[in-house]
Amino acid sequence: MNLNVSLTPLISLLAGILILVVPRLLNYIVAIYLILIGLVGLLGTGSLRI
């Protein structure tokens, strides 16, 4: 049995849970989420397109 888990859904789930638990951290969580998704998008493809 192979279990293939992507990084993006895990980050989204963690961010959603943190927002529910500590709503005052919303700005920081969204900023960190966007930075991480951007890095995953850039580094996950294996090539940087300019």
PDB file of N, CA and C in Angstrom:
ATOM      1  N   MET A   1       0.843  -1.187   0.000  1.00  0.00           N
ATOM      2  CA  MET A   1       0.000   0.000   0.000  1.00  0.00           C
ATOM      3  C   MET A   1       0.884   1.245   0.000  1.00  0.00           C
ATOM      4  N   ASN A   2       0.723   2.066  -1.011  1.00  0.00           N
ATOM      5  CA  ASN A   2       1.477   3.320  -1.098  1.00  0.00           C
ATOM      6  C   ASN A   2       0.618   4.470  -0.612  1.00  0.00           C
ATOM      7  N   LEU A   3       1.212   5.333   0.192  1.00  0.00           N
ATOM      8  CA  LEU A   3       0.518   6.515   0.687  1.00  0.00           C
ATOM      9  C   LEU A   3       1.287   7.725   0.208  1.00  0.00           C
ATOM     10  N   ASN A   4       0.702   8.451  -0.746  1.00  0.00           N
ATOM     11  CA  ASN A   4       1.354   9.619  -1.319  1.00  0.00           C
ATOM     12  C   ASN A   4       0.672  10.865  -0.775  1.00  0.00           C
ATOM     13  N   VAL A   5       1.408  11.647   0.031  1.00  0.00           N
ATOM     14  CA  VAL A   5       0.848  12.833   0.667  1.00  0.00           C
ATOM     15  C   VAL A   5       1.612  14.054   0.158  1.00  0.00           C
ATOM     16  N   SER A   6       0.877  15.046  -0.322  1.00  0.00           N
ATOM     17  CA  SER A   6       1.492  16.278  -0.796  1.00  0.00           C
ATOM     18  C   SER A   6       1.705  17.222   0.374  1.00  0.00           C
ATOM     19  N   LEU A   7       2.610  18.154   0.184  1.00  0.00           N
ATOM     20  CA  LEU A   7       2.915  19.116   1.228  1.00  0.00           C
ATOM     21  C   LEU A   7       1.847  20.205   1.318  1.00  0.00           C
ATOM     22  N   THR A   8       1.306  20.619   0.187  1.00  0.00           N
ATOM     23  CA  THR A   8       0.353  21.726   0.160  1.00  0.00           C
ATOM     24  C   THR A   8      -0.916  21.458   0.975  1.00  0.00           C
ATOM     25  N   PRO A   9      -1.585  20.307   0.831  1.00  0.00           N
ATOM     26  CA  PRO A   9      -2.780  20.067   1.662  1.00  0.00           C
ATOM     27  C   PRO A   9      -2.475  20.001   3.155  1.00  0.00           C
ATOM     28  N   LEU A  10      -1.308  19.496   3.507  1.00  0.00           N
ATOM     29  CA  LEU A  10      -0.946  19.449   4.924  1.00  0.00           C
ATOM     30  C   LEU A  10      -0.752  20.843   5.499  1.00  0.00           C
ATOM     31  N   ILE A  11      -0.116  21.723   4.724  1.00  0.00           N
ATOM     32  CA  ILE A  11       0.072  23.106   5.165  1.00  0.00           C
ATOM     33  C   ILE A  11      -1.283  23.788   5.310  1.00  0.00           C
ATOM     34  N   SER A  12      -2.175  23.551   4.360  1.00  0.00           N
ATOM     35  CA  SER A  12      -3.511  24.153   4.415  1.00  0.00           C
ATOM     36  C   SER A  12      -4.285  23.679   5.634  1.00  0.00           C
ATOM     37  N   LEU A  13      -4.222  22.400   5.915  1.00  0.00           N
ATOM     38  CA  LEU A  13      -4.923  21.840   7.069  1.00  0.00           C
ATOM     39  C   LEU A  13      -4.382  22.418   8.370  1.00  0.00           C
ATOM     40  N   LEU A  14      -3.076  22.486   8.489  1.00  0.00           N
ATOM     41  CA  LEU A  14      -2.463  23.046   9.689  1.00  0.00           C
ATOM     42  C   LEU A  14      -2.831  24.515   9.861  1.00  0.00           C
ATOM     43  N   ALA A  15      -2.798  25.281   8.779  1.00  0.00           N
ATOM     44  CA  ALA A  15      -3.164  26.701   8.852  1.00  0.00           C
ATOM     45  C   ALA A  15      -4.622  26.862   9.269  1.00  0.00           C
ATOM     46  N   GLY A  16      -5.510  26.059   8.718  1.00  0.00           N
ATOM     47  CA  GLY A  16      -6.923  26.137   9.080  1.00  0.00           C
ATOM     48  C   GLY A  16      -7.171  25.824  10.543  1.00  0.00           C
ATOM     49  N   ILE A  17      -6.499  24.809  11.046  1.00  0.00           N
ATOM     50  CA  ILE A  17      -6.660  24.449  12.462  1.00  0.00           C
ATOM     51  C   ILE A  17      -6.141  25.562  13.360  1.00  0.00           C
ATOM     52  N   LEU A  18      -4.980  26.138  13.012  1.00  0.00           N
ATOM     53  CA  LEU A  18      -4.425  27.218  13.825  1.00  0.00           C
ATOM     54  C   LEU A  18      -5.332  28.446  13.822  1.00  0.00           C
ATOM     55  N   ILE A  19      -5.944  28.745  12.681  1.00  0.00           N
ATOM     56  CA  ILE A  19      -6.855  29.889  12.607  1.00  0.00           C
ATOM     57  C   ILE A  19      -8.082  29.649  13.493  1.00  0.00           C
ATOM     58  N   LEU A  20      -8.580  28.421  13.509  1.00  0.00           N
ATOM     59  CA  LEU A  20      -9.725  28.115  14.371  1.00  0.00           C
ATOM     60  C   LEU A  20      -9.361  28.206  15.847  1.00  0.00           C
ATOM     61  N   VAL A  21      -8.180  27.738  16.206  1.00  0.00           N
ATOM     62  CA  VAL A  21      -7.774  27.714  17.608  1.00  0.00           C
ATOM     63  C   VAL A  21      -7.385  29.105  18.099  1.00  0.00           C
ATOM     64  N   VAL A  22      -6.607  29.832  17.289  1.00  0.00           N
ATOM     65  CA  VAL A  22      -6.100  31.149  17.691  1.00  0.00           C
ATOM     66  C   VAL A  22      -6.404  32.159  16.586  1.00  0.00           C
ATOM     67  N   PRO A  23      -7.616  32.721  16.556  1.00  0.00           N
ATOM     68  CA  PRO A  23      -8.002  33.628  15.469  1.00  0.00           C
ATOM     69  C   PRO A  23      -7.154  34.899  15.393  1.00  0.00           C
ATOM     70  N   ARG A  24      -6.524  35.294  16.489  1.00  0.00           N
ATOM     71  CA  ARG A  24      -5.714  36.516  16.470  1.00  0.00           C
ATOM     72  C   ARG A  24      -4.466  36.359  15.621  1.00  0.00           C
ATOM     73  N   LEU A  25      -4.077  35.125  15.317  1.00  0.00           N
ATOM     74  CA  LEU A  25      -2.893  34.879  14.510  1.00  0.00           C
ATOM     75  C   LEU A  25      -3.186  34.834  13.010  1.00  0.00           C
ATOM     76  N   LEU A  26      -4.389  35.219  12.611  1.00  0.00           N
ATOM     77  CA  LEU A  26      -4.815  35.066  11.220  1.00  0.00           C
ATOM     78  C   LEU A  26      -3.844  35.715  10.240  1.00  0.00           C
ATOM     79  N   ASN A  27      -3.433  36.959  10.475  1.00  0.00           N
ATOM     80  CA  ASN A  27      -2.541  37.652   9.541  1.00  0.00           C
ATOM     81  C   ASN A  27      -1.217  36.911   9.387  1.00  0.00           C
ATOM     82  N   TYR A  28      -0.642  36.469  10.494  1.00  0.00           N
ATOM     83  CA  TYR A  28       0.638  35.776  10.436  1.00  0.00           C
ATOM     84  C   TYR A  28       0.506  34.419   9.736  1.00  0.00           C
ATOM     85  N   ILE A  29      -0.571  33.705  10.050  1.00  0.00           N
ATOM     86  CA  ILE A  29      -0.771  32.386   9.450  1.00  0.00           C
ATOM     87  C   ILE A  29      -0.956  32.507   7.942  1.00  0.00           C
ATOM     88  N   VAL A  30      -1.744  33.489   7.508  1.00  0.00           N
ATOM     89  CA  VAL A  30      -1.967  33.680   6.073  1.00  0.00           C
ATOM     90  C   VAL A  30      -0.666  34.064   5.382  1.00  0.00           C
ATOM     91  N   ALA A  31       0.116  34.945   5.995  1.00  0.00           N
ATOM     92  CA  ALA A  31       1.380  35.363   5.395  1.00  0.00           C
ATOM     93  C   ALA A  31       2.345  34.178   5.274  1.00  0.00           C
ATOM     94  N   ILE A  32       2.472  33.398   6.335  1.00  0.00           N
ATOM     95  CA  ILE A  32       3.368  32.239   6.300  1.00  0.00           C
ATOM     96  C   ILE A  32       2.873  31.213   5.289  1.00  0.00           C
ATOM     97  N   TYR A  33       1.562  31.014   5.231  1.00  0.00           N
ATOM     98  CA  TYR A  33       0.979  30.072   4.275  1.00  0.00           C
ATOM     99  C   TYR A  33       1.304  30.485   2.843  1.00  0.00           C
ATOM    100  N   LEU A  34       1.109  31.752   2.534  1.00  0.00           N
ATOM    101  CA  LEU A  34       1.379  32.219   1.175  1.00  0.00           C
ATOM    102  C   LEU A  34       2.859  32.084   0.817  1.00  0.00           C
ATOM    103  N   ILE A  35       3.737  32.371   1.761  1.00  0.00           N
ATOM    104  CA  ILE A  35       5.170  32.216   1.514  1.00  0.00           C
ATOM    105  C   ILE A  35       5.513  30.745   1.265  1.00  0.00           C
ATOM    106  N   LEU A  36       4.985  29.856   2.092  1.00  0.00           N
ATOM    107  CA  LEU A  36       5.277  28.433   1.916  1.00  0.00           C
ATOM    108  C   LEU A  36       4.725  27.885   0.610  1.00  0.00           C
ATOM    109  N   ILE A  37       3.510  28.283   0.242  1.00  0.00           N
ATOM    110  CA  ILE A  37       2.931  27.816  -1.013  1.00  0.00           C
ATOM    111  C   ILE A  37       3.740  28.347  -2.191  1.00  0.00           C
ATOM    112  N   GLY A  38       4.200  29.579  -2.088  1.00  0.00           N
ATOM    113  CA  GLY A  38       5.045  30.131  -3.140  1.00  0.00           C
ATOM    114  C   GLY A  38       6.351  29.356  -3.283  1.00  0.00           C
ATOM    115  N   LEU A  39       6.977  29.023  -2.156  1.00  0.00           N
ATOM    116  CA  LEU A  39       8.215  28.251  -2.198  1.00  0.00           C
ATOM    117  C   LEU A  39       7.992  26.852  -2.750  1.00  0.00           C
ATOM    118  N   VAL A  40       6.896  26.218  -2.343  1.00  0.00           N
ATOM    119  CA  VAL A  40       6.583  24.884  -2.866  1.00  0.00           C
ATOM    120  C   VAL A  40       6.365  24.962  -4.369  1.00  0.00           C
ATOM    121  N   GLY A  41       5.678  25.998  -4.821  1.00  0.00           N
ATOM    122  CA  GLY A  41       5.444  26.150  -6.251  1.00  0.00           C
ATOM    123  C   GLY A  41       6.719  26.380  -7.030  1.00  0.00           C
ATOM    124  N   LEU A  42       7.625  27.178  -6.491  1.00  0.00           N
ATOM    125  CA  LEU A  42       8.873  27.460  -7.195  1.00  0.00           C
ATOM    126  C   LEU A  42       9.837  26.276  -7.158  1.00  0.00           C
ATOM    127  N   LEU A  43       9.994  25.688  -5.995  1.00  0.00           N
ATOM    128  CA  LEU A  43      10.972  24.623  -5.840  1.00  0.00           C
ATOM    129  C   LEU A  43      10.420  23.251  -6.204  1.00  0.00           C
ATOM    130  N   GLY A  44       9.123  23.083  -6.168  1.00  0.00           N
ATOM    131  CA  GLY A  44       8.522  21.798  -6.451  1.00  0.00           C
ATOM    132  C   GLY A  44       8.559  21.419  -7.917  1.00  0.00           C
ATOM    133  N   THR A  45       8.665  22.397  -8.810  1.00  0.00           N
ATOM    134  CA  THR A  45       8.674  22.095 -10.237  1.00  0.00           C
ATOM    135  C   THR A  45      10.046  21.647 -10.708  1.00  0.00           C
ATOM    136  N   GLY A  46      11.072  21.953  -9.963  1.00  0.00           N
ATOM    137  CA  GLY A  46      12.409  21.576 -10.356  1.00  0.00           C
ATOM    138  C   GLY A  46      13.105  22.588 -11.243  1.00  0.00           C
ATOM    139  N   SER A  47      12.356  23.542 -11.744  1.00  0.00           N
ATOM    140  CA  SER A  47      12.958  24.586 -12.570  1.00  0.00           C
ATOM    141  C   SER A  47      12.295  25.910 -12.271  1.00  0.00           C
ATOM    142  N   LEU A  48      13.069  26.950 -12.362  1.00  0.00           N
ATOM    143  CA  LEU A  48      12.577  28.300 -12.103  1.00  0.00           C
ATOM    144  C   LEU A  48      12.341  28.992 -13.435  1.00  0.00           C
ATOM    145  N   ARG A  49      11.094  29.355 -13.709  1.00  0.00           N
ATOM    146  CA  ARG A  49      10.764  30.031 -14.958  1.00  0.00           C
ATOM    147  C   ARG A  49      10.715  31.521 -14.724  1.00  0.00           C
ATOM    148  N   ILE A  50      11.494  32.242 -15.480  1.00  0.00           N
ATOM    149  CA  ILE A  50      11.533  33.700 -15.342  1.00  0.00           C
ATOM    150  C   ILE A  50      10.958  34.323 -16.603  1.00  0.00           C
TER     151      ILE A  50
END
